[in-house]
Amino acid sequence: MTDTLLAGFNDTTLDSQRAFRAALDALSRPGRIVTMPDLLPDAAPQPLMPATAALALALFDYETPVWLDEAADTPAVRDWLRFHCGSPLVSDKAQARFALLAGTPETLSGFDAGTDAYPDRSATLIRQVESLSDGPAYRLSGPGIAQEETLKINALHAGFDSDWQKNAKLFPRGLDLFLVAGHQLAGLPRTTRIDRMEG
């Protein structure tokens, strides 16, 4: 099957560092849209977007169990992740350290939020959305944001607002979230407060 696999990074070390810096930039400046460098010589395996694939290559490894939603759970994606990342793929959300959400928006329930002793062992979700410049507007505040940021997010699940408020109350436990649209990404760490704007 490896002869049909799409390529990963051209330069595994340098490109992984570039993708990791983009991810770190997004999480350290919540709500700011970051453009992921075009690091893949081939297209990402469908339905993964370019930034999603780059995040996977930079963040996943053999010690990070990954959960795929129904849309992302294809033979092409599974083979690509196993070959390039070595990640174990799990069917139980609670066992995942990362989750790829490419289809119908998922709630935040069921994922591991870590423990008070080990909050860093929580899951990080990578949620593909239609756009980061169109759709309902959210006001963001919290660490890493000088005053406030505004982010427009298209295609989040209906109960996202209340789900995220519940997630924030778990601190220092809680989930971290990357939103991806094409080559763009935005980070929402668990410390970020989100308020939906009217209009």
C-alpha atoms as a PDB file:
ATOM      1  CA  MET A   1       0.000   0.000   0.000  1.00  0.00           C
ATOM      2  CA  THR A   2       2.938   2.338   0.591  1.00  0.00           C
ATOM      3  CA  ASP A   3       3.448   2.826  -3.149  1.00  0.00           C
ATOM      4  CA  THR A   4       0.081   4.640  -3.291  1.00  0.00           C
ATOM      5  CA  LEU A   5       0.693   6.830  -0.242  1.00  0.00           C
ATOM      6  CA  LEU A   6       0.963  10.573  -0.652  1.00  0.00           C
ATOM      7  CA  ALA A   7       4.233  12.111   0.493  1.00  0.00           C
ATOM      8  CA  GLY A   8       4.803  13.812   3.817  1.00  0.00           C
ATOM      9  CA  PHE A   9       7.185  16.728   4.340  1.00  0.00           C
ATOM     10  CA  ASN A  10      10.008  17.259   1.870  1.00  0.00           C
ATOM     11  CA  ASP A  11      12.424  17.881   4.744  1.00  0.00           C
ATOM     12  CA  THR A  12      11.108  16.040   7.781  1.00  0.00           C
ATOM     13  CA  THR A  13      13.125  17.988  10.361  1.00  0.00           C
ATOM     14  CA  LEU A  14      12.979  21.536   8.998  1.00  0.00           C
ATOM     15  CA  ASP A  15       9.394  21.353   7.745  1.00  0.00           C
ATOM     16  CA  SER A  16       8.237  19.823  11.011  1.00  0.00           C
ATOM     17  CA  GLN A  17       9.860  22.734  12.855  1.00  0.00           C
ATOM     18  CA  ARG A  18       8.106  25.244  10.576  1.00  0.00           C
ATOM     19  CA  ALA A  19       4.729  23.598  11.120  1.00  0.00           C
ATOM     20  CA  PHE A  20       5.315  23.368  14.871  1.00  0.00           C
ATOM     21  CA  ARG A  21       6.177  27.081  15.025  1.00  0.00           C
ATOM     22  CA  ALA A  22       2.934  27.899  13.203  1.00  0.00           C
ATOM     23  CA  ALA A  23       0.986  25.773  15.691  1.00  0.00           C
ATOM     24  CA  LEU A  24       2.738  27.402  18.649  1.00  0.00           C
ATOM     25  CA  ASP A  25       2.110  30.861  17.191  1.00  0.00           C
ATOM     26  CA  ALA A  26      -1.593  30.087  16.825  1.00  0.00           C
ATOM     27  CA  LEU A  27      -1.966  28.807  20.396  1.00  0.00           C
ATOM     28  CA  SER A  28       0.104  31.591  21.967  1.00  0.00           C
ATOM     29  CA  ARG A  29      -1.962  34.283  20.201  1.00  0.00           C
ATOM     30  CA  PRO A  30      -5.511  32.936  20.461  1.00  0.00           C
ATOM     31  CA  GLY A  31      -7.861  34.064  17.717  1.00  0.00           C
ATOM     32  CA  ARG A  32      -5.128  35.340  15.405  1.00  0.00           C
ATOM     33  CA  ILE A  33      -5.254  33.650  12.007  1.00  0.00           C
ATOM     34  CA  VAL A  34      -1.945  32.018  11.114  1.00  0.00           C
ATOM     35  CA  THR A  35      -1.110  30.817   7.615  1.00  0.00           C
ATOM     36  CA  MET A  36       0.589  27.435   7.578  1.00  0.00           C
ATOM     37  CA  PRO A  37       3.501  27.317   5.114  1.00  0.00           C
ATOM     38  CA  ASP A  38       2.869  25.121   2.073  1.00  0.00           C
ATOM     39  CA  LEU A  39       5.038  22.196   3.155  1.00  0.00           C
ATOM     40  CA  LEU A  40       3.468  19.201   1.400  1.00  0.00           C
ATOM     41  CA  PRO A  41       4.745  18.193  -2.049  1.00  0.00           C
ATOM     42  CA  ASP A  42       1.503  16.266  -2.655  1.00  0.00           C
ATOM     43  CA  ALA A  43      -2.049  17.157  -1.721  1.00  0.00           C
ATOM     44  CA  ALA A  44      -3.151  16.019   1.701  1.00  0.00           C
ATOM     45  CA  PRO A  45      -5.181  12.790   1.750  1.00  0.00           C
ATOM     46  CA  GLN A  46      -8.850  13.688   1.458  1.00  0.00           C
ATOM     47  CA  PRO A  47     -10.676  15.044   3.352  1.00  0.00           C
ATOM     48  CA  LEU A  48      -7.762  16.565   5.281  1.00  0.00           C
ATOM     49  CA  MET A  49      -6.951  20.205   4.575  1.00  0.00           C
ATOM     50  CA  PRO A  50      -3.299  21.251   4.050  1.00  0.00           C
ATOM     51  CA  ALA A  51      -2.922  22.840   7.492  1.00  0.00           C
ATOM     52  CA  THR A  52      -4.532  19.807   9.144  1.00  0.00           C
ATOM     53  CA  ALA A  53      -2.067  17.461   7.462  1.00  0.00           C
ATOM     54  CA  ALA A  54       0.891  19.671   8.395  1.00  0.00           C
ATOM     55  CA  LEU A  55      -0.245  19.796  12.031  1.00  0.00           C
ATOM     56  CA  ALA A  56      -0.550  16.023  12.075  1.00  0.00           C
ATOM     57  CA  LEU A  57       2.963  15.549  10.699  1.00  0.00           C
ATOM     58  CA  ALA A  58       4.390  18.011  13.232  1.00  0.00           C
ATOM     59  CA  LEU A  59       2.474  16.942  16.349  1.00  0.00           C
ATOM     60  CA  PHE A  60       1.613  13.244  16.032  1.00  0.00           C
ATOM     61  CA  ASP A  61       3.965  10.384  16.802  1.00  0.00           C
ATOM     62  CA  TYR A  62       3.934   6.793  18.023  1.00  0.00           C
ATOM     63  CA  GLU A  63       3.104   7.948  21.572  1.00  0.00           C
ATOM     64  CA  THR A  64       0.027   9.999  20.631  1.00  0.00           C
ATOM     65  CA  PRO A  65      -3.183   8.009  20.116  1.00  0.00           C
ATOM     66  CA  VAL A  66      -5.372   9.657  17.469  1.00  0.00           C
ATOM     67  CA  TRP A  67      -9.153   9.545  17.061  1.00  0.00           C
ATOM     68  CA  LEU A  68     -10.738  10.199  13.656  1.00  0.00           C
ATOM     69  CA  ASP A  69     -14.320  11.303  13.158  1.00  0.00           C
ATOM     70  CA  GLU A  70     -16.419   9.506  10.556  1.00  0.00           C
ATOM     71  CA  ALA A  71     -15.390  11.840   7.724  1.00  0.00           C
ATOM     72  CA  ALA A  72     -11.662  11.620   8.464  1.00  0.00           C
ATOM     73  CA  ASP A  73     -11.718   7.868   9.054  1.00  0.00           C
ATOM     74  CA  THR A  74     -10.840   6.755   5.533  1.00  0.00           C
ATOM     75  CA  PRO A  75      -8.312   4.127   4.420  1.00  0.00           C
ATOM     76  CA  ALA A  76      -6.177   6.830   2.775  1.00  0.00           C
ATOM     77  CA  VAL A  77      -6.004   8.938   5.941  1.00  0.00           C
ATOM     78  CA  ARG A  78      -5.410   5.953   8.204  1.00  0.00           C
ATOM     79  CA  ASP A  79      -2.590   4.570   6.021  1.00  0.00           C
ATOM     80  CA  TRP A  80      -1.006   8.028   5.669  1.00  0.00           C
ATOM     81  CA  LEU A  81      -1.021   8.683   9.425  1.00  0.00           C
ATOM     82  CA  ARG A  82       0.313   5.246  10.264  1.00  0.00           C
ATOM     83  CA  PHE A  83       3.125   5.518   7.720  1.00  0.00           C
ATOM     84  CA  HIS A  84       4.242   9.116   8.331  1.00  0.00           C
ATOM     85  CA  CYS A  85       3.424   9.541  12.046  1.00  0.00           C
ATOM     86  CA  GLY A  86       3.306   6.029  13.466  1.00  0.00           C
ATOM     87  CA  SER A  87       0.333   7.078  15.566  1.00  0.00           C
ATOM     88  CA  PRO A  88      -1.947   4.427  17.054  1.00  0.00           C
ATOM     89  CA  LEU A  89      -5.519   5.038  15.873  1.00  0.00           C
ATOM     90  CA  VAL A  90      -8.137   4.535  18.554  1.00  0.00           C
ATOM     91  CA  SER A  91     -11.905   4.067  18.390  1.00  0.00           C
ATOM     92  CA  ASP A  92     -12.518   5.446  21.897  1.00  0.00           C
ATOM     93  CA  LYS A  93     -12.442   9.262  22.162  1.00  0.00           C
ATOM     94  CA  ALA A  94     -11.358   9.058  25.785  1.00  0.00           C
ATOM     95  CA  GLN A  95      -8.082   7.387  24.783  1.00  0.00           C
ATOM     96  CA  ALA A  96      -7.084  10.033  22.225  1.00  0.00           C
ATOM     97  CA  ARG A  97      -4.404  12.678  22.670  1.00  0.00           C
ATOM     98  CA  PHE A  98      -5.367  14.200  19.320  1.00  0.00           C
ATOM     99  CA  ALA A  99      -8.579  14.141  17.300  1.00  0.00           C
ATOM    100  CA  LEU A 100      -9.150  15.006  13.655  1.00  0.00           C
ATOM    101  CA  LEU A 101     -12.643  16.395  13.075  1.00  0.00           C
ATOM    102  CA  ALA A 102     -13.367  16.810   9.379  1.00  0.00           C
ATOM    103  CA  GLY A 103     -17.085  16.168   9.059  1.00  0.00           C
ATOM    104  CA  THR A 104     -20.283  17.110  10.853  1.00  0.00           C
ATOM    105  CA  PRO A 105     -19.216  19.244  13.821  1.00  0.00           C
ATOM    106  CA  GLU A 106     -18.626  17.195  16.950  1.00  0.00           C
ATOM    107  CA  THR A 107     -19.411  18.210  20.505  1.00  0.00           C
ATOM    108  CA  LEU A 108     -16.513  18.451  22.941  1.00  0.00           C
ATOM    109  CA  SER A 109     -17.867  15.669  25.128  1.00  0.00           C
ATOM    110  CA  GLY A 110     -16.144  12.324  25.526  1.00  0.00           C
ATOM    111  CA  PHE A 111     -12.548  13.518  25.077  1.00  0.00           C
ATOM    112  CA  ASP A 112      -9.958  13.299  27.844  1.00  0.00           C
ATOM    113  CA  ALA A 113      -9.660  16.651  29.650  1.00  0.00           C
ATOM    114  CA  GLY A 114      -6.645  15.526  31.684  1.00  0.00           C
ATOM    115  CA  THR A 115      -6.389  15.428  35.468  1.00  0.00           C
ATOM    116  CA  ASP A 116      -5.540  18.051  38.078  1.00  0.00           C
ATOM    117  CA  ALA A 117      -2.163  16.342  38.531  1.00  0.00           C
ATOM    118  CA  TYR A 118      -1.527  15.961  34.784  1.00  0.00           C
ATOM    119  CA  PRO A 119      -3.540  18.591  32.894  1.00  0.00           C
ATOM    120  CA  ASP A 120      -1.087  18.357  29.985  1.00  0.00           C
ATOM    121  CA  ARG A 121      -2.364  14.868  29.195  1.00  0.00           C
ATOM    122  CA  SER A 122      -5.629  16.201  27.806  1.00  0.00           C
ATOM    123  CA  ALA A 123      -6.708  15.892  24.192  1.00  0.00           C
ATOM    124  CA  THR A 124      -6.074  18.479  21.489  1.00  0.00           C
ATOM    125  CA  LEU A 125      -8.760  18.709  18.804  1.00  0.00           C
ATOM    126  CA  ILE A 126      -8.131  19.759  15.203  1.00  0.00           C
ATOM    127  CA  ARG A 127     -11.481  20.942  13.835  1.00  0.00           C
ATOM    128  CA  GLN A 128     -11.823  21.707  10.132  1.00  0.00           C
ATOM    129  CA  VAL A 129     -14.247  24.535   9.364  1.00  0.00           C
ATOM    130  CA  GLU A 130     -15.485  26.158   6.184  1.00  0.00           C
ATOM    131  CA  SER A 131     -13.974  29.554   6.906  1.00  0.00           C
ATOM    132  CA  LEU A 132     -12.115  31.617   9.500  1.00  0.00           C
ATOM    133  CA  SER A 133     -13.248  34.892   7.937  1.00  0.00           C
ATOM    134  CA  ASP A 134     -16.976  34.322   7.499  1.00  0.00           C
ATOM    135  CA  GLY A 135     -19.787  33.229   9.773  1.00  0.00           C
ATOM    136  CA  PRO A 136     -20.759  34.005  13.365  1.00  0.00           C
ATOM    137  CA  ALA A 137     -18.353  36.368  15.131  1.00  0.00           C
ATOM    138  CA  TYR A 138     -16.850  35.561  18.522  1.00  0.00           C
ATOM    139  CA  ARG A 139     -15.136  37.914  20.961  1.00  0.00           C
ATOM    140  CA  LEU A 140     -12.060  36.299  22.507  1.00  0.00           C
ATOM    141  CA  SER A 141     -10.275  37.309  25.694  1.00  0.00           C
ATOM    142  CA  GLY A 142      -7.812  35.777  28.120  1.00  0.00           C
ATOM    143  CA  PRO A 143      -4.082  34.967  28.303  1.00  0.00           C
ATOM    144  CA  GLY A 144      -2.179  35.831  25.135  1.00  0.00           C
ATOM    145  CA  ILE A 145      -4.735  38.474  24.114  1.00  0.00           C
ATOM    146  CA  ALA A 146      -3.887  42.093  24.947  1.00  0.00           C
ATOM    147  CA  GLN A 147      -7.489  43.301  25.080  1.00  0.00           C
ATOM    148  CA  GLU A 148      -9.702  41.217  22.849  1.00  0.00           C
ATOM    149  CA  GLU A 149      -9.710  39.486  19.471  1.00  0.00           C
ATOM    150  CA  THR A 150     -12.588  38.865  17.117  1.00  0.00           C
ATOM    151  CA  LEU A 151     -12.773  35.647  15.136  1.00  0.00           C
ATOM    152  CA  LYS A 152     -15.426  34.602  12.640  1.00  0.00           C
ATOM    153  CA  ILE A 153     -15.973  30.863  12.520  1.00  0.00           C
ATOM    154  CA  ASN A 154     -18.162  29.053  10.027  1.00  0.00           C
ATOM    155  CA  ALA A 155     -19.553  25.579  10.795  1.00  0.00           C
ATOM    156  CA  LEU A 156     -19.215  24.933  14.510  1.00  0.00           C
ATOM    157  CA  HIS A 157     -21.740  22.692  16.234  1.00  0.00           C
ATOM    158  CA  ALA A 158     -24.856  24.331  17.660  1.00  0.00           C
ATOM    159  CA  GLY A 159     -23.852  24.006  21.311  1.00  0.00           C
ATOM    160  CA  PHE A 160     -20.268  25.154  20.897  1.00  0.00           C
ATOM    161  CA  ASP A 161     -20.665  28.263  23.060  1.00  0.00           C
ATOM    162  CA  SER A 162     -21.901  26.375  26.129  1.00  0.00           C
ATOM    163  CA  ASP A 163     -19.492  23.480  25.501  1.00  0.00           C
ATOM    164  CA  TRP A 164     -16.542  25.871  25.503  1.00  0.00           C
ATOM    165  CA  GLN A 165     -17.721  27.590  28.696  1.00  0.00           C
ATOM    166  CA  LYS A 166     -17.866  24.204  30.408  1.00  0.00           C
ATOM    167  CA  ASN A 167     -14.393  23.414  29.079  1.00  0.00           C
ATOM    168  CA  ALA A 168     -12.978  26.682  30.484  1.00  0.00           C
ATOM    169  CA  LYS A 169     -14.375  25.897  33.946  1.00  0.00           C
ATOM    170  CA  LEU A 170     -12.277  22.726  34.075  1.00  0.00           C
ATOM    171  CA  PHE A 171      -8.994  24.694  34.194  1.00  0.00           C
ATOM    172  CA  PRO A 172      -6.203  23.641  34.669  1.00  0.00           C
ATOM    173  CA  ARG A 173      -7.816  20.656  32.980  1.00  0.00           C
ATOM    174  CA  GLY A 174      -9.516  21.069  29.622  1.00  0.00           C
ATOM    175  CA  LEU A 175      -9.254  20.600  25.869  1.00  0.00           C
ATOM    176  CA  ASP A 176      -7.238  22.738  23.458  1.00  0.00           C
ATOM    177  CA  LEU A 177      -8.559  23.382  19.972  1.00  0.00           C
ATOM    178  CA  PHE A 178      -7.117  24.207  16.558  1.00  0.00           C
ATOM    179  CA  LEU A 179      -9.524  25.521  13.937  1.00  0.00           C
ATOM    180  CA  VAL A 180      -8.398  24.923  10.350  1.00  0.00           C
ATOM    181  CA  ALA A 181      -9.643  26.307   7.044  1.00  0.00           C
ATOM    182  CA  GLY A 182      -7.426  25.386   4.098  1.00  0.00           C
ATOM    183  CA  HIS A 183      -3.907  26.685   4.841  1.00  0.00           C
ATOM    184  CA  GLN A 184      -5.123  28.845   7.720  1.00  0.00           C
ATOM    185  CA  LEU A 185      -5.413  27.966  11.369  1.00  0.00           C
ATOM    186  CA  ALA A 186      -6.369  29.597  14.647  1.00  0.00           C
ATOM    187  CA  GLY A 187      -5.684  28.309  18.135  1.00  0.00           C
ATOM    188  CA  LEU A 188      -8.097  28.259  21.050  1.00  0.00           C
ATOM    189  CA  PRO A 189      -6.334  27.102  24.203  1.00  0.00           C
ATOM    190  CA  ARG A 190      -8.469  26.104  27.179  1.00  0.00           C
ATOM    191  CA  THR A 191      -7.731  29.469  28.865  1.00  0.00           C
ATOM    192  CA  THR A 192      -9.465  31.497  26.147  1.00  0.00           C
ATOM    193  CA  ARG A 193     -12.864  32.983  26.920  1.00  0.00           C
ATOM    194  CA  ILE A 194     -15.291  33.097  23.997  1.00  0.00           C
ATOM    195  CA  ASP A 195     -18.406  35.221  23.746  1.00  0.00           C
ATOM    196  CA  ARG A 196     -20.620  35.105  20.686  1.00  0.00           C
ATOM    197  CA  MET A 197     -21.274  38.582  19.310  1.00  0.00           C
ATOM    198  CA  GLU A 198     -24.750  39.668  18.364  1.00  0.00           C
ATOM    199  CA  GLY A 199     -25.654  40.572  14.777  1.00  0.00           C
END
